Structures are given as structure tokens and as C-alpha cells.
Protein backbone atom coordinates (compact mmCIF):
# COMPACT_ATOMS: atom_id res chain seq x y z
CA MET A 1 25.72 -119.25 37.67
CA GLU A 2 22.68 -121.04 39.09
CA ASN A 3 23.10 -119.35 42.48
CA TYR A 4 23.49 -115.94 40.82
CA TYR A 5 20.34 -116.52 38.77
CA HIS A 6 18.21 -117.31 41.83
CA THR A 7 19.57 -114.48 43.96
CA ASN A 8 21.00 -111.45 42.15
CA TYR A 9 19.26 -111.92 38.81
CA SER A 10 15.82 -112.24 40.40
CA LYS A 11 16.09 -108.53 41.24
CA CYS A 12 16.70 -107.52 37.62
CA GLN A 13 13.98 -105.82 35.62
CA GLN A 14 13.12 -107.88 32.56
CA PRO A 15 13.12 -106.10 29.17
CA THR A 16 9.72 -105.47 27.64
CA SER A 17 10.88 -104.99 24.03
CA TYR A 18 10.13 -107.86 21.65
CA PHE A 19 13.42 -107.14 19.89
CA SER A 20 15.32 -108.11 23.04
CA THR A 21 13.96 -111.67 23.04
CA SER A 22 15.04 -114.89 21.38
CA ASN A 23 11.60 -115.13 19.74
CA TYR A 24 12.48 -112.15 17.56
CA VAL A 25 15.65 -113.84 16.31
CA HIS A 26 13.94 -117.18 15.82
CA THR A 27 10.90 -115.81 13.98
CA GLY A 28 12.75 -113.16 11.98
CA VAL A 29 15.53 -115.41 10.71
CA HIS A 30 13.18 -118.25 9.78
CA THR A 31 11.04 -115.75 7.85
CA VAL A 32 14.18 -114.83 5.90
CA THR A 33 14.69 -118.54 5.17
CA ILE A 34 11.33 -118.72 3.37
CA PHE A 35 12.63 -116.24 0.79
CA ALA A 36 16.21 -117.54 0.76
CA VAL A 37 15.49 -121.14 -0.28
CA PRO A 38 13.92 -120.28 -3.69
CA LEU A 39 16.84 -117.92 -4.36
CA TRP A 40 19.36 -120.69 -3.57
CA ILE A 41 17.72 -122.93 -6.16
CA TYR A 42 17.31 -120.19 -8.75
CA GLY A 43 20.94 -119.15 -8.28
CA PHE A 44 22.10 -122.69 -9.11
CA TYR A 45 19.88 -122.70 -12.21
CA CYS A 46 21.19 -119.35 -13.45
CA ILE A 47 24.85 -120.25 -13.05
CA ILE A 48 24.58 -123.73 -14.58
CA LYS A 49 22.12 -123.01 -17.40
CA ILE A 50 22.26 -119.30 -18.25
CA THR A 51 25.89 -118.21 -17.79
CA PRO A 52 27.25 -117.20 -21.25
CA LYS A 53 29.63 -119.75 -22.77
CA GLN A 54 32.18 -117.02 -23.52
CA LEU A 55 32.92 -116.73 -19.79
CA GLY A 56 34.45 -120.21 -19.80
CA SER A 57 35.82 -121.44 -16.48
CA GLY A 58 34.47 -118.35 -14.69
CA LYS A 59 31.15 -120.18 -14.60
CA TRP A 60 32.54 -122.92 -12.37
CA ASP A 61 34.32 -120.51 -10.03
CA LEU A 62 31.06 -118.57 -9.65
CA LEU A 63 29.29 -121.87 -8.94
CA ILE A 64 31.79 -122.59 -6.14
CA VAL A 65 31.08 -119.14 -4.65
CA HIS A 66 27.36 -119.91 -4.75
CA ILE A 67 27.87 -123.31 -3.09
CA TRP A 68 29.74 -121.70 -0.20
CA THR A 69 27.01 -119.04 0.04
CA VAL A 70 24.29 -121.68 0.38
CA CYS A 71 26.35 -123.76 2.84
CA LEU A 72 26.92 -120.68 5.01
CA ASP A 73 23.24 -119.78 4.89
CA ILE A 74 22.15 -123.29 5.86
CA THR A 75 24.61 -123.42 8.73
CA PHE A 76 23.82 -119.94 10.04
CA ILE A 77 20.05 -119.61 9.65
CA LEU A 78 18.93 -123.23 9.90
CA LEU A 79 21.42 -125.28 11.89
CA GLY A 80 23.07 -122.65 14.07
CA LEU A 81 20.86 -119.58 14.47
CA PRO A 82 23.23 -117.92 16.98
CA TYR A 83 21.84 -115.86 19.85
CA MET A 84 24.74 -113.56 20.75
CA PHE A 85 25.68 -111.60 23.88
CA PHE A 86 28.30 -109.06 22.79
CA PRO A 87 30.61 -107.85 24.31
CA SER A 88 30.84 -111.37 25.73
CA LEU A 89 32.37 -113.85 23.27
CA SER A 90 29.55 -116.27 24.03
CA ILE A 91 26.78 -117.75 21.90
CA LEU A 92 23.63 -119.74 22.46
CA PHE A 93 22.61 -121.73 19.40
CA ILE A 94 18.83 -121.96 19.05
CA GLY A 95 18.65 -123.52 15.58
CA SER A 96 17.74 -127.05 14.48
CA GLY A 97 21.38 -128.16 14.73
CA LYS A 98 21.24 -128.00 18.50
CA LEU A 99 17.98 -129.95 18.51
CA ILE A 100 19.55 -132.84 16.60
CA GLY A 101 22.60 -132.90 18.85
CA ILE A 102 25.32 -131.04 16.92
CA PRO A 103 27.84 -129.71 19.50
CA SER A 104 28.06 -125.94 19.89
CA TRP A 105 31.76 -125.82 19.03
CA ILE A 106 31.13 -127.55 15.69
CA LEU A 107 28.36 -125.08 14.82
CA SER A 108 30.51 -122.11 15.82
CA TYR A 109 33.59 -123.34 13.97
CA SER A 110 31.51 -124.21 10.89
CA ILE A 111 30.07 -120.69 10.67
CA GLN A 112 33.48 -119.04 11.05
CA SER A 113 35.24 -121.37 8.61
CA LEU A 114 32.45 -121.06 6.02
CA VAL A 115 32.68 -117.26 6.14
CA SER A 116 36.42 -117.64 5.50
CA ALA A 117 35.90 -120.20 2.72
CA TYR A 118 33.35 -117.87 1.11
CA THR A 119 36.00 -115.13 1.08
CA ALA A 120 38.64 -117.51 -0.34
CA SER A 121 36.24 -118.58 -3.12
CA PHE A 122 35.84 -114.98 -4.25
CA VAL A 123 39.63 -114.59 -4.31
CA ALA A 124 39.76 -117.69 -6.55
CA PHE A 125 37.05 -116.27 -8.79
CA PHE A 126 38.84 -112.95 -9.30
CA GLU A 127 42.10 -114.83 -9.91
CA ASN A 128 40.30 -116.70 -12.70
CA ARG A 129 39.07 -113.42 -14.24
CA GLN A 130 42.61 -112.04 -14.12
CA ASN A 131 44.09 -115.22 -15.55
CA VAL A 132 41.94 -115.30 -18.70
CA LEU A 133 43.31 -111.92 -19.78
CA GLN A 134 46.50 -113.63 -20.97
CA THR A 135 48.77 -110.96 -19.45
CA LYS A 136 52.32 -111.39 -18.20
CA TRP A 137 51.18 -111.07 -14.57
CA ARG A 138 48.92 -114.11 -14.66
CA ILE A 139 49.90 -117.42 -13.06
CA LYS A 140 50.58 -119.67 -16.04
CA LYS A 141 51.11 -123.05 -14.37
CA ARG A 142 47.87 -124.85 -13.55
CA TRP A 143 49.46 -126.67 -10.62
CA ALA A 144 50.58 -123.34 -9.14
CA ARG A 145 47.04 -121.95 -9.35
CA VAL A 146 45.62 -125.04 -7.66
CA PHE A 147 48.34 -124.86 -4.99
CA ILE A 148 47.55 -121.21 -4.19
CA LYS A 149 43.84 -122.04 -3.92
CA LEU A 150 44.62 -124.86 -1.48
CA ILE A 151 46.82 -122.52 0.56
CA ASN A 152 44.03 -119.95 0.74
CA TYR A 153 41.45 -122.51 1.81
CA GLY A 154 43.93 -123.85 4.35
CA ILE A 155 44.33 -120.35 5.79
CA ALA A 156 40.55 -119.95 5.79
CA TRP A 157 39.95 -123.14 7.75
CA LEU A 158 43.01 -123.27 10.03
CA THR A 159 43.24 -119.68 11.26
CA VAL A 160 39.86 -119.98 13.00
CA LEU A 161 40.74 -123.31 14.63
CA PRO A 162 43.15 -122.42 17.54
CA PRO A 163 40.49 -120.87 19.84
CA TYR A 164 38.57 -124.16 19.75
CA LEU A 165 41.61 -126.10 20.97
CA GLU A 166 41.66 -124.22 24.27
CA LYS A 167 40.07 -125.59 27.42
CA LEU A 168 37.88 -122.84 28.80
CA ASP A 169 36.43 -122.33 32.25
CA SER A 170 32.94 -121.36 31.13
CA GLU A 171 31.72 -120.73 34.68
CA ARG A 172 34.49 -118.20 35.34
CA LEU A 173 34.00 -116.47 31.99
CA ALA A 174 30.26 -116.22 32.58
CA MET A 175 30.73 -114.71 36.04
CA ASP A 176 33.33 -112.24 34.76
CA PHE A 177 30.81 -110.94 32.25
CA LEU A 178 28.13 -110.63 34.95
CA LYS A 179 30.42 -108.30 36.91
CA ASN A 180 30.13 -105.74 34.12
CA VAL A 181 26.65 -106.65 32.89
CA PRO A 182 24.69 -107.84 35.95
CA CYS A 183 21.36 -108.13 34.11
CA PRO A 184 21.79 -109.75 30.70
CA ASP A 185 19.02 -111.54 28.85
CA LYS A 186 17.71 -114.58 30.73
CA GLU A 187 18.90 -116.87 27.92
CA TYR A 188 22.45 -116.12 29.08
CA PHE A 189 21.88 -118.56 31.95
CA ASN A 190 21.05 -121.44 29.62
CA ILE A 191 23.28 -124.45 30.31
CA SER A 192 24.08 -124.67 26.56
CA LEU A 193 25.82 -121.27 26.57
CA PHE A 194 29.07 -121.59 24.59
CA PHE A 195 32.19 -119.41 24.91
CA ILE A 196 34.28 -119.06 21.77
CA CYS A 197 37.49 -117.78 23.27
CA ASP A 198 39.20 -116.56 26.45
CA ASN A 199 41.86 -114.62 24.53
CA PRO A 200 40.34 -111.86 22.35
CA LEU A 201 43.83 -110.72 21.27
CA MET A 202 44.62 -114.13 19.79
CA LEU A 203 41.24 -114.26 18.05
CA THR A 204 41.56 -110.81 16.51
CA SER A 205 45.20 -111.44 15.51
CA LEU A 206 44.29 -114.62 13.64
CA MET A 207 41.34 -112.92 11.97
CA GLY A 208 43.58 -109.99 11.02
CA PHE A 209 46.18 -112.32 9.47
CA GLN A 210 43.48 -114.11 7.48
CA PHE A 211 41.90 -110.83 6.37
CA LEU A 212 45.20 -109.33 5.18
CA THR A 213 46.28 -112.52 3.40
CA LEU A 214 43.07 -113.02 1.46
CA THR A 215 42.05 -109.43 0.79
CA SER A 216 45.52 -108.39 -0.41
CA GLN A 217 45.27 -111.06 -3.13
CA GLY A 218 41.71 -110.04 -3.94
CA VAL A 219 42.65 -106.36 -4.26
CA PHE A 220 45.52 -107.26 -6.63
CA TYR A 221 43.38 -109.47 -8.87
CA VAL A 222 40.51 -106.95 -8.95
CA SER A 223 42.67 -103.89 -9.65
CA HIS A 224 44.79 -105.71 -12.26
CA THR A 225 41.71 -107.08 -14.06
CA TRP A 226 39.97 -103.71 -14.02
CA TYR A 227 43.08 -101.92 -15.35
CA HIS A 228 43.51 -104.32 -18.26
CA LEU A 229 39.85 -104.46 -19.20
CA VAL A 230 39.39 -100.67 -19.09
CA PHE A 231 42.74 -99.19 -20.16
CA LEU A 232 44.84 -101.85 -21.87
CA HIS A 233 43.69 -103.77 -24.93
CA GLY A 234 46.72 -105.95 -25.46
CA SER A 235 45.26 -109.22 -24.22
CA ARG A 236 44.22 -111.77 -26.82
CA VAL A 237 40.45 -111.47 -26.62
CA SER A 238 37.90 -109.91 -28.96
CA ALA A 239 36.25 -106.57 -28.24
CA GLU A 240 32.86 -108.25 -27.66
CA THR A 241 34.34 -110.83 -25.29
CA ARG A 242 36.17 -108.06 -23.46
CA LYS A 243 32.92 -106.12 -23.07
CA MET A 244 31.15 -109.20 -21.71
CA GLN A 245 34.04 -109.92 -19.32
CA LEU A 246 33.89 -106.35 -18.03
CA ARG A 247 30.13 -106.56 -17.38
CA PHE A 248 30.56 -109.90 -15.66
CA PHE A 249 33.48 -108.53 -13.63
CA TRP A 250 31.53 -105.49 -12.40
CA GLY A 251 28.50 -107.60 -11.63
CA THR A 252 30.48 -110.01 -9.49
CA LEU A 253 32.33 -107.17 -7.76
CA LEU A 254 29.02 -105.59 -6.80
CA GLN A 255 27.88 -109.01 -5.60
CA VAL A 256 30.73 -108.81 -3.07
CA LEU A 257 30.66 -105.11 -2.22
CA ILE A 258 26.94 -104.56 -1.62
CA PRO A 259 26.58 -107.21 1.15
CA MET A 260 29.89 -106.00 2.63
CA LEU A 261 28.59 -102.43 2.85
CA VAL A 262 25.37 -103.64 4.49
CA PHE A 263 27.35 -105.60 7.07
CA MET A 264 29.68 -102.72 7.94
CA GLY A 265 27.13 -101.60 10.54
CA PRO A 266 27.09 -104.89 12.49
CA ILE A 267 30.87 -105.24 12.20
CA SER A 268 31.40 -101.70 13.51
CA TYR A 269 29.06 -102.32 16.44
CA ILE A 270 30.78 -105.59 17.37
CA TRP A 271 34.14 -103.78 17.40
CA TYR A 272 32.66 -100.95 19.49
CA SER A 273 30.99 -103.33 21.94
CA ALA A 274 34.11 -105.48 22.36
CA ASN A 275 36.30 -102.44 23.08
CA THR A 276 33.93 -100.51 25.35
CA GLY A 277 32.00 -103.29 27.08
CA TYR A 278 28.68 -101.84 25.88
CA TYR A 279 25.80 -104.34 26.06
CA ASN A 280 22.46 -104.08 24.29
CA GLN A 281 20.60 -107.32 23.61
CA ALA A 282 18.23 -105.74 21.10
CA ILE A 283 21.17 -104.61 18.94
CA ASN A 284 22.77 -108.06 19.28
CA ASN A 285 19.54 -109.58 17.98
CA HIS A 286 19.37 -107.09 15.11
CA ILE A 287 22.88 -108.23 14.13
CA SER A 288 21.78 -111.87 13.89
CA PHE A 289 18.77 -110.82 11.84
CA THR A 290 20.84 -108.61 9.52
CA VAL A 291 23.53 -111.24 8.92
CA SER A 292 20.83 -113.74 7.96
CA PHE A 293 20.28 -111.63 4.80
CA HIS A 294 23.77 -112.56 3.56
CA GLY A 295 22.59 -115.12 1.01
CA ILE A 296 19.56 -113.13 -0.16
CA LEU A 297 21.65 -110.01 -0.77
CA GLY A 298 24.49 -111.84 -2.54
CA ILE A 299 22.26 -113.91 -4.82
CA SER A 300 19.90 -110.99 -5.55
CA CYS A 301 22.88 -108.87 -6.60
CA MET A 302 24.11 -111.69 -8.82
CA VAL A 303 20.71 -112.10 -10.52
CA LEU A 304 19.89 -108.40 -10.91
CA VAL A 305 23.34 -107.14 -11.89
CA GLN A 306 24.42 -109.87 -14.32
CA LYS A 307 22.81 -109.05 -17.66
CA SER A 308 21.94 -112.60 -18.78
CA PHE A 309 20.53 -113.54 -15.36
CA ARG A 310 18.49 -110.32 -15.13
CA THR A 311 17.01 -110.88 -18.57
CA HIS A 312 15.88 -114.40 -17.67
CA PHE A 313 14.53 -113.27 -14.29
CA LEU A 314 12.38 -110.50 -15.80
CA LYS A 315 11.09 -112.86 -18.46
CA MET A 316 10.23 -115.45 -15.80
CA ILE A 317 8.37 -113.16 -13.37
CA THR A 318 6.40 -111.50 -16.21
CA PHE A 319 5.53 -114.87 -17.80
CA GLY A 320 7.35 -113.96 -20.98
CA LYS A 321 5.75 -110.54 -21.44
CA VAL A 322 9.08 -108.77 -20.87
CA ASN A 323 11.87 -110.29 -22.95
CA LEU A 324 14.91 -108.00 -22.99
CA ALA A 325 16.96 -110.39 -25.13
CA LYS A 326 14.32 -110.39 -27.88
CA ALA A 327 13.95 -106.61 -27.69
CA ARG A 328 17.70 -106.15 -28.09
CA ASN A 329 17.80 -108.50 -31.09
CA VAL A 330 14.97 -106.60 -32.80
CA SER A 331 16.67 -103.28 -32.08
CA ALA A 332 19.98 -104.52 -33.45
CA ALA A 333 18.35 -105.89 -36.61
CA LYS A 334 16.41 -102.69 -37.35
CA PRO A 335 18.42 -100.32 -39.63
CA PRO A 336 18.86 -96.67 -38.65
CA LYS A 337 16.37 -94.14 -40.08
CA SER A 338 19.04 -92.47 -42.19
CA ILE A 339 19.82 -95.72 -43.97
CA VAL A 340 16.14 -96.37 -44.64
CA ALA A 341 15.78 -92.91 -46.14
CA ILE A 342 18.74 -93.43 -48.48
CA GLN A 343 17.42 -96.79 -49.63
CA SER A 344 14.03 -95.29 -50.44
């Protein structure tokens, strides 16, 4: 690597675009952090203090989702801050974690496992929403529900572990990449460059198994909950509680789907790059910057979509001038015009 850098690489033309540099990733992601931190704190406040009591245990499952969201954000945008080189399965961590001596494999594994745990927490949340409907398809035994949650978290954490148990020849992997991409970004020659895996098939197979296991459960819980809340009214809950559960259900579903739709672009590019060998450092950097919005998007959706959270947020940012809850109460208390006319 060192010999290649001083001979072959010295002939390469350096990119002039700011978006192709590590400064773009570093500055852009840390700018996102400035806006993310207040949202982390406000998200905790909303869930703990403002969640309607009628939602019961759903409050605590939503809190767990938020905890994993914040942990993933902290690991990705503060500790890790990965500088990626797709189609190479290599990363250079330029965050504060590397400065304080956290090994690259721990940062990489933490990011992957936290993404998986975040997914598992949403499966647990939607299982909770399905369970409160009191239908025959719900899991009645508490120990069985806890056991399934542990299995899901086990899958989340263990399926990303095998690649990190391999002993890799980083020098060989780096040189193999240079055969196809002779002039990568200069940061590629950093001695801290970390390779995730030497077997892409194993990595994608494990990720596929995890995806199918968790998403199949999520799809069942979501579809079953939606069907019973919209079409069937046989569960033992009041009409008002059902209406609130449906709003909360749709709000949380959008909290999942909107960030997923935003990230479909980066995911599609990673797949394309890995299968064609296409290399573009500017796009790689845009991916890191886009993924750093994960927490902001998820928490913003939660605050703006959930009715009680949105009401409090609007009241807060307008210093009490806009109070939707008060307006609704006044509207509900005011009799229709026809009734007033009859009374007069």
C-alpha cells in the first residue's frame, strides 16, 4: 500500500470537488448533530410526559424505539462518522470514537447491531399494538412475548457478528480494490482503514436472513392491527380508544416508513455499486450525510404526526399563541347553530 501510494498513486489526478473530501462528511454530519441533539431531548420529553394514558404499555415500547434511535445516532454521527469507499467493503472512521481509542471493529459492529436492534424494537412495538386488541391471534402468555423479543434481539445482534470473527488480510483486500479503482480518495491509504468482510455472499446472506425474520413479523403485526382497527370492531375497547389507537398506529407507521423511503436511494446505490464495481467518492460521502438524518427524520415524524405531540410542539414554538387542544375543547363545547336557534 505504501509503495503503491508513492509510485502509482502520485500520478493520479486529485478530485477538486468539495463533496469528494472527508471535510464535507465531517462538517456536514456535525452540522446535523447540532439539530439532532435538541430533538433527542424533546423526543424523550414527549414520550414520557405527553403520551396519552389510554395507550398504556405502548408508551414504553415507543420509548425503547427512541432509545435505540438516539444510541444509533450517537454511534454513527459522533463516535463513528464512517467515511466509506463503496464498492469496497472498507471504512475509515473519522469520528470522536477513533480519537479516544475505540477500535474500528467495535464501531462498525456497534453501528450494524444498533440498526438491527432499532428494527427489532419496532417489531416489538407493533406486536404490542396488536396485542392490546384482545383478539384470538395475539400472544397471550407474557413469558412467550418476552421470549420472542429476546429471540429477535438475539437475531439482531448475532447475525451481524460472524464477519468480525474472520481474520482478514487487509493489505491484500486493499490491493485487490486498487486493481479496479486505481485512484481512490487519498484517505483510502490511511493506516486505520478497516475492512468489514472478505465474503460479501456471507454478509448479504446473514443480512437477508435477519431482514426476512424481522420484517415478516412486522408485516404480520401491522397488517393484523390495521385490519382489526379499520374493519373489525369485536375487540374489547371503546370507540374513542380505538380511534386514538388508530391515530397512534398510523403515526408510528409513518415514523418507520418515511425514513425508510428516504434511505431507499442510498441502499439502491450501495447494491448497484457492490454488483457493478462502480466507484464515486462524492456519492459515498452523500450517503454518509444522508444516513446521518436518520434520527432527525424519525423523531420529526413522531412529533409532527402524533396528534398530542404535534399539539404540544406548536404551542411551544408559538409561546402558547397556538393551542390546538384548547381550540378543540372550545369547538366541542360550542353547540351547533341549529340547536341554538331552537333554544331561542
